[in-house]
C-alpha cells in the first residue's frame, strides 16, 4: 500500500529509502528550518525524483515574473514550479540530474 505524506526526508530519494514507493505529494525537509510539499515521482527510471516543474493540463499560468519563479507557485498535486531557492537547496551537497518529459497533454512532443 502507498504511504504518501509527511516524512523526515530531505528529498524524494530519501522518501523512497524510507519505504514510500508510490508517486505523490510528500512533505520534505530539505534544510534544517523549512518543510515544503513536492511531487515525488517514484516510477520513472526507478523513482527517487523530486519534481521541480510539473505540467498536467495547463490550469496554472507559467507566464510569471522572476519573483514568482524564485518563490515557487502552483500546487504539487496539479501543476507547479518548486522555486529557484529550493532548487539551490536541493543541489547543495546532493547528486543532481534532470529529466525532460516535456509533452503536450495528448502525448505529442512540444516544439
Protein backbone atom coordinates (compact mmCIF):
# COMPACT_ATOMS: atom_id res chain seq x y z
CA UNK A 1 0.00 0.00 0.00
CA UNK A 2 1.06 3.58 -0.55
CA UNK A 3 2.15 5.82 2.29
CA UNK A 4 2.03 9.39 0.99
CA UNK A 5 2.51 12.49 3.08
CA UNK A 6 4.80 13.83 5.79
CA UNK A 7 8.30 12.38 6.04
CA UNK A 8 11.58 13.35 7.64
CA UNK A 9 13.33 13.08 4.27
CA UNK A 10 15.27 15.91 2.66
CA UNK A 11 14.38 14.81 -0.90
CA UNK A 12 12.43 12.16 -2.83
CA UNK A 13 15.39 9.80 -2.88
CA UNK A 14 15.25 9.63 0.91
CA UNK A 15 11.44 9.38 0.72
CA UNK A 16 11.81 6.18 -1.30
CA UNK A 17 14.53 4.88 1.03
CA UNK A 18 12.02 5.24 3.89
CA UNK A 19 9.65 2.84 2.11
CA UNK A 20 7.41 5.33 0.31
CA UNK A 21 7.35 3.78 -3.15
CA UNK A 22 4.28 5.49 -4.64
CA UNK A 23 4.38 8.70 -6.64
CA UNK A 24 2.55 11.56 -4.97
CA UNK A 25 2.78 14.68 -2.85
CA UNK A 26 5.18 14.42 0.08
CA UNK A 27 6.28 16.97 2.65
CA UNK A 28 10.07 17.01 2.72
CA UNK A 29 12.57 18.97 4.79
CA UNK A 30 15.47 19.94 2.50
CA UNK A 31 17.04 22.28 5.06
CA UNK A 32 17.20 22.35 8.83
CA UNK A 33 14.50 25.00 9.14
CA UNK A 34 11.84 24.57 6.46
CA UNK A 35 9.46 22.00 5.03
CA UNK A 36 7.90 22.01 1.58
CA UNK A 37 5.38 19.95 -0.34
CA UNK A 38 6.71 18.39 -3.53
CA UNK A 39 5.66 15.81 -6.10
CA UNK A 40 7.83 12.69 -5.86
CA UNK A 41 8.00 10.54 -8.99
CA UNK A 42 8.72 7.04 -7.74
CA UNK A 43 8.11 5.29 -11.09
CA UNK A 44 10.24 6.90 -13.83
CA UNK A 45 13.64 5.20 -14.17
CA UNK A 46 13.43 3.62 -10.72
CA UNK A 47 11.94 6.65 -8.98
CA UNK A 48 13.64 8.90 -6.43
CA UNK A 49 12.81 12.05 -8.48
CA UNK A 50 11.99 15.33 -6.74
CA UNK A 51 9.92 17.04 -9.44
CA UNK A 52 10.87 20.71 -9.87
CA UNK A 53 8.25 21.53 -12.53
CA UNK A 54 5.02 19.68 -13.14
CA UNK A 55 2.66 20.48 -16.01
CA UNK A 56 -0.54 18.47 -16.39
CA UNK A 57 -3.38 20.32 -18.07
CA UNK A 58 -2.49 24.00 -18.50
CA UNK A 59 -4.51 25.06 -15.44
CA UNK A 60 -1.63 27.11 -13.97
CA UNK A 61 -0.23 30.12 -15.83
CA UNK A 62 3.56 29.79 -16.06
CA UNK A 63 3.97 33.23 -17.68
CA UNK A 64 5.26 34.87 -14.50
CA UNK A 65 7.93 37.25 -13.27
CA UNK A 66 11.25 36.39 -11.64
CA UNK A 67 9.91 36.91 -8.11
CA UNK A 68 7.31 34.16 -8.67
CA UNK A 69 9.89 31.78 -10.11
CA UNK A 70 12.22 32.40 -7.17
CA UNK A 71 9.47 31.70 -4.61
CA UNK A 72 7.66 28.93 -6.50
CA UNK A 73 3.98 28.72 -7.39
CA UNK A 74 1.12 26.34 -8.09
CA UNK A 75 0.35 23.13 -6.21
CA UNK A 76 2.36 19.89 -6.49
CA UNK A 77 -0.74 17.68 -6.89
CA UNK A 78 -1.62 19.54 -10.13
CA UNK A 79 0.85 21.97 -11.72
CA UNK A 80 3.72 23.81 -10.06
CA UNK A 81 7.22 25.24 -10.11
CA UNK A 82 9.18 24.29 -6.99
CA UNK A 83 11.04 27.61 -6.75
CA UNK A 84 14.60 28.63 -7.56
CA UNK A 85 15.61 28.99 -3.92
CA UNK A 86 14.54 25.41 -3.18
CA UNK A 87 16.33 24.08 -6.26
CA UNK A 88 19.55 25.63 -4.94
CA UNK A 89 18.93 23.97 -1.56
CA UNK A 90 18.28 20.62 -3.24
CA UNK A 91 21.54 20.82 -5.20
CA UNK A 92 23.72 21.66 -2.19
CA UNK A 93 25.70 18.52 -1.41
CA UNK A 94 23.34 16.25 -3.35
CA UNK A 95 23.57 14.35 -6.59
CA UNK A 96 21.52 16.21 -9.16
CA UNK A 97 20.27 15.29 -12.61
CA UNK A 98 17.34 16.31 -14.77
CA UNK A 99 14.87 14.52 -16.99
CA UNK A 100 12.80 16.41 -19.54
CA UNK A 101 9.44 14.73 -20.12
CA UNK A 102 8.03 17.73 -21.98
CA UNK A 103 4.94 16.55 -23.85
CA UNK A 104 1.61 18.07 -24.76
CA UNK A 105 -1.35 16.61 -22.91
CA UNK A 106 -2.19 14.45 -25.95
CA UNK A 107 1.31 12.93 -25.87
CA UNK A 108 2.89 14.78 -28.81
CA UNK A 109 6.30 16.32 -28.20
CA UNK A 110 6.48 20.09 -27.96
CA UNK A 111 8.23 22.28 -30.49
